[in-house]
């Protein structure tokens, strides 16, 4: 089975990612999974949403450059070696993985330039997970 993802290209500046989430949220689009990749001047956001064609059109209307592509999503056993078995199956048949990302949405890790400031801004507004808590997920 194939899944359609929306890829969004955007300049790498503060607030652009929030803008995408705000636009989709206001239009009732639930983001089920996502991945971000950044470079010095631009970023790539990949989204799994219920209606990728509609989401792409919404973002296109707001001036974003977008692309639809096909990916596969698999349920990986939540045990040591679970991911390795899936990757080994592909590697054994010479299928190269360009990228992968998790679509379990409840817990999200953010890389930010000022971690301490981000923690202070979010404390009391969201549930911040400790290193120990993440290890037990």
C-alpha atoms as a PDB file:
ATOM      1  CA  UNK A   1       0.000   0.000   0.000  1.00  0.00           C
ATOM      2  CA  UNK A   2       1.204   3.490  -0.843  1.00  0.00           C
ATOM      3  CA  UNK A   3       0.585   6.655   1.144  1.00  0.00           C
ATOM      4  CA  UNK A   4       0.637  10.136  -0.367  1.00  0.00           C
ATOM      5  CA  UNK A   5       2.690  12.736   1.474  1.00  0.00           C
ATOM      6  CA  UNK A   6       2.797  16.479   0.950  1.00  0.00           C
ATOM      7  CA  UNK A   7       6.247  18.007   0.672  1.00  0.00           C
ATOM      8  CA  UNK A   8       6.553  21.738   1.334  1.00  0.00           C
ATOM      9  CA  UNK A   9       9.609  23.804   0.449  1.00  0.00           C
ATOM     10  CA  UNK A  10      10.160  26.970   2.470  1.00  0.00           C
ATOM     11  CA  UNK A  11      12.810  29.471   3.376  1.00  0.00           C
ATOM     12  CA  UNK A  12      14.591  28.741   6.633  1.00  0.00           C
ATOM     13  CA  UNK A  13      13.382  31.569   8.866  1.00  0.00           C
ATOM     14  CA  UNK A  14      11.640  31.851  12.190  1.00  0.00           C
ATOM     15  CA  UNK A  15       7.882  31.337  12.102  1.00  0.00           C
ATOM     16  CA  UNK A  16       7.589  29.655   8.710  1.00  0.00           C
ATOM     17  CA  UNK A  17       6.900  26.207  10.152  1.00  0.00           C
ATOM     18  CA  UNK A  18       4.336  27.680  12.553  1.00  0.00           C
ATOM     19  CA  UNK A  19       2.700  29.390   9.584  1.00  0.00           C
ATOM     20  CA  UNK A  20       2.180  26.051   7.828  1.00  0.00           C
ATOM     21  CA  UNK A  21       0.704  24.485  10.970  1.00  0.00           C
ATOM     22  CA  UNK A  22      -1.546  27.532  11.530  1.00  0.00           C
ATOM     23  CA  UNK A  23      -2.815  27.579   7.940  1.00  0.00           C
ATOM     24  CA  UNK A  24      -3.654  23.889   7.961  1.00  0.00           C
ATOM     25  CA  UNK A  25      -5.141  24.044  11.454  1.00  0.00           C
ATOM     26  CA  UNK A  26      -7.451  26.928  10.560  1.00  0.00           C
ATOM     27  CA  UNK A  27      -8.652  24.952   7.531  1.00  0.00           C
ATOM     28  CA  UNK A  28      -9.361  21.847   9.630  1.00  0.00           C
ATOM     29  CA  UNK A  29      -6.456  19.750   8.334  1.00  0.00           C
ATOM     30  CA  UNK A  30      -5.125  17.381  11.000  1.00  0.00           C
ATOM     31  CA  UNK A  31      -1.413  16.704  10.653  1.00  0.00           C
ATOM     32  CA  UNK A  32      -0.972  12.999  11.383  1.00  0.00           C
ATOM     33  CA  UNK A  33       2.777  12.855  10.843  1.00  0.00           C
ATOM     34  CA  UNK A  34       5.592  15.093   9.725  1.00  0.00           C
ATOM     35  CA  UNK A  35       9.278  15.409   9.107  1.00  0.00           C
ATOM     36  CA  UNK A  36      11.464  18.466   8.728  1.00  0.00           C
ATOM     37  CA  UNK A  37      14.841  18.834   7.095  1.00  0.00           C
ATOM     38  CA  UNK A  38      16.805  22.028   7.167  1.00  0.00           C
ATOM     39  CA  UNK A  39      19.689  23.594   5.357  1.00  0.00           C
ATOM     40  CA  UNK A  40      21.210  27.035   5.747  1.00  0.00           C
ATOM     41  CA  UNK A  41      18.701  28.837   3.540  1.00  0.00           C
ATOM     42  CA  UNK A  42      15.724  26.515   3.074  1.00  0.00           C
ATOM     43  CA  UNK A  43      13.758  23.742   4.706  1.00  0.00           C
ATOM     44  CA  UNK A  44      11.699  20.788   3.601  1.00  0.00           C
ATOM     45  CA  UNK A  45       8.590  19.728   5.492  1.00  0.00           C
ATOM     46  CA  UNK A  46       6.961  16.396   4.731  1.00  0.00           C
ATOM     47  CA  UNK A  47       3.393  15.928   5.950  1.00  0.00           C
ATOM     48  CA  UNK A  48       1.028  13.002   6.311  1.00  0.00           C
ATOM     49  CA  UNK A  49      -2.530  14.365   6.330  1.00  0.00           C
ATOM     50  CA  UNK A  50      -5.975  12.835   5.711  1.00  0.00           C
ATOM     51  CA  UNK A  51      -6.459  14.621   2.362  1.00  0.00           C
ATOM     52  CA  UNK A  52      -3.061  15.424   0.838  1.00  0.00           C
ATOM     53  CA  UNK A  53      -4.509  16.870  -2.377  1.00  0.00           C
ATOM     54  CA  UNK A  54      -6.626  19.376  -0.432  1.00  0.00           C
ATOM     55  CA  UNK A  55      -3.735  20.243   1.906  1.00  0.00           C
ATOM     56  CA  UNK A  56      -1.454  20.822  -1.057  1.00  0.00           C
ATOM     57  CA  UNK A  57      -3.998  23.136  -2.662  1.00  0.00           C
ATOM     58  CA  UNK A  58      -4.457  25.095   0.589  1.00  0.00           C
ATOM     59  CA  UNK A  59      -0.705  25.593   0.945  1.00  0.00           C
ATOM     60  CA  UNK A  60      -0.306  26.411  -2.743  1.00  0.00           C
ATOM     61  CA  UNK A  61      -2.981  29.117  -2.407  1.00  0.00           C
ATOM     62  CA  UNK A  62      -0.956  30.577   0.474  1.00  0.00           C
ATOM     63  CA  UNK A  63       2.154  30.815  -1.701  1.00  0.00           C
ATOM     64  CA  UNK A  64       4.036  27.685  -0.681  1.00  0.00           C
ATOM     65  CA  UNK A  65       5.821  25.469  -3.176  1.00  0.00           C
ATOM     66  CA  UNK A  66       4.557  21.927  -2.694  1.00  0.00           C
ATOM     67  CA  UNK A  67       4.869  18.468  -4.151  1.00  0.00           C
ATOM     68  CA  UNK A  68       2.956  15.206  -3.719  1.00  0.00           C
ATOM     69  CA  UNK A  69       4.847  11.917  -3.577  1.00  0.00           C
ATOM     70  CA  UNK A  70       4.303   8.326  -2.575  1.00  0.00           C
ATOM     71  CA  UNK A  71       5.804   6.709   0.521  1.00  0.00           C
ATOM     72  CA  UNK A  72       5.177   3.499   2.399  1.00  0.00           C
ATOM     73  CA  UNK A  73       4.181   3.437   6.062  1.00  0.00           C
ATOM     74  CA  UNK A  74       4.696   0.319   8.131  1.00  0.00           C
ATOM     75  CA  UNK A  75       3.901  -0.716  11.680  1.00  0.00           C
ATOM     76  CA  UNK A  76       7.258  -1.520  13.251  1.00  0.00           C
ATOM     77  CA  UNK A  77       7.380  -3.906  16.188  1.00  0.00           C
ATOM     78  CA  UNK A  78       8.015  -1.935  19.400  1.00  0.00           C
ATOM     79  CA  UNK A  79      10.974  -4.065  20.445  1.00  0.00           C
ATOM     80  CA  UNK A  80      14.721  -4.083  19.972  1.00  0.00           C
ATOM     81  CA  UNK A  81      15.484  -4.955  16.355  1.00  0.00           C
ATOM     82  CA  UNK A  82      11.978  -4.118  15.100  1.00  0.00           C
ATOM     83  CA  UNK A  83      13.152  -1.355  12.792  1.00  0.00           C
ATOM     84  CA  UNK A  84      16.253  -3.312  11.797  1.00  0.00           C
ATOM     85  CA  UNK A  85      14.137  -6.209  10.500  1.00  0.00           C
ATOM     86  CA  UNK A  86      12.191  -3.894   8.203  1.00  0.00           C
ATOM     87  CA  UNK A  87      15.335  -2.151   6.952  1.00  0.00           C
ATOM     88  CA  UNK A  88      17.157  -5.449   6.483  1.00  0.00           C
ATOM     89  CA  UNK A  89      14.299  -6.776   4.339  1.00  0.00           C
ATOM     90  CA  UNK A  90      14.683  -3.780   2.026  1.00  0.00           C
ATOM     91  CA  UNK A  91      18.486  -3.826   2.051  1.00  0.00           C
ATOM     92  CA  UNK A  92      18.576  -7.541   1.231  1.00  0.00           C
ATOM     93  CA  UNK A  93      16.750  -6.745  -2.007  1.00  0.00           C
ATOM     94  CA  UNK A  94      18.919  -3.671  -2.765  1.00  0.00           C
ATOM     95  CA  UNK A  95      16.100  -1.191  -2.074  1.00  0.00           C
ATOM     96  CA  UNK A  96      17.644   2.067  -0.907  1.00  0.00           C
ATOM     97  CA  UNK A  97      15.894   4.167   1.761  1.00  0.00           C
ATOM     98  CA  UNK A  98      16.126   7.873   0.962  1.00  0.00           C
ATOM     99  CA  UNK A  99      14.715   8.994   4.324  1.00  0.00           C
ATOM    100  CA  UNK A 100      12.335   7.807   7.002  1.00  0.00           C
ATOM    101  CA  UNK A 101      10.360   9.373   9.815  1.00  0.00           C
ATOM    102  CA  UNK A 102       7.983   8.355  12.547  1.00  0.00           C
ATOM    103  CA  UNK A 103       4.318   9.264  12.307  1.00  0.00           C
ATOM    104  CA  UNK A 104       3.512   8.611  15.963  1.00  0.00           C
ATOM    105  CA  UNK A 105       2.326  12.094  16.732  1.00  0.00           C
ATOM    106  CA  UNK A 106       1.747  12.319  20.485  1.00  0.00           C
ATOM    107  CA  UNK A 107       5.373  12.971  21.433  1.00  0.00           C
ATOM    108  CA  UNK A 108       7.441  15.319  19.295  1.00  0.00           C
ATOM    109  CA  UNK A 109      11.127  16.242  19.569  1.00  0.00           C
ATOM    110  CA  UNK A 110      12.205  19.724  18.475  1.00  0.00           C
ATOM    111  CA  UNK A 111      15.726  20.869  17.651  1.00  0.00           C
ATOM    112  CA  UNK A 112      16.017  24.592  18.427  1.00  0.00           C
ATOM    113  CA  UNK A 113      18.928  27.013  18.630  1.00  0.00           C
ATOM    114  CA  UNK A 114      18.283  27.975  22.291  1.00  0.00           C
ATOM    115  CA  UNK A 115      17.090  24.871  24.139  1.00  0.00           C
ATOM    116  CA  UNK A 116      17.094  26.473  27.585  1.00  0.00           C
ATOM    117  CA  UNK A 117      14.982  29.425  26.439  1.00  0.00           C
ATOM    118  CA  UNK A 118      12.543  27.127  24.616  1.00  0.00           C
ATOM    119  CA  UNK A 119      12.137  25.023  27.775  1.00  0.00           C
ATOM    120  CA  UNK A 120      11.382  28.150  29.826  1.00  0.00           C
ATOM    121  CA  UNK A 121       8.849  29.398  27.261  1.00  0.00           C
ATOM    122  CA  UNK A 122       7.032  26.052  27.138  1.00  0.00           C
ATOM    123  CA  UNK A 123       7.156  25.140  30.837  1.00  0.00           C
ATOM    124  CA  UNK A 124       3.618  25.095  32.234  1.00  0.00           C
ATOM    125  CA  UNK A 125       2.063  25.306  28.759  1.00  0.00           C
ATOM    126  CA  UNK A 126       2.792  21.788  27.534  1.00  0.00           C
ATOM    127  CA  UNK A 127       4.038  18.549  29.028  1.00  0.00           C
ATOM    128  CA  UNK A 128       7.811  18.567  28.698  1.00  0.00           C
ATOM    129  CA  UNK A 129       9.348  15.103  28.726  1.00  0.00           C
ATOM    130  CA  UNK A 130      12.615  14.361  30.497  1.00  0.00           C
ATOM    131  CA  UNK A 131      15.377  12.215  29.091  1.00  0.00           C
ATOM    132  CA  UNK A 132      14.299   9.453  31.498  1.00  0.00           C
ATOM    133  CA  UNK A 133      10.650   9.672  30.377  1.00  0.00           C
ATOM    134  CA  UNK A 134      11.595   9.474  26.701  1.00  0.00           C
ATOM    135  CA  UNK A 135      13.666   6.368  27.388  1.00  0.00           C
ATOM    136  CA  UNK A 136      10.572   4.587  28.728  1.00  0.00           C
ATOM    137  CA  UNK A 137       8.237   5.402  25.808  1.00  0.00           C
END
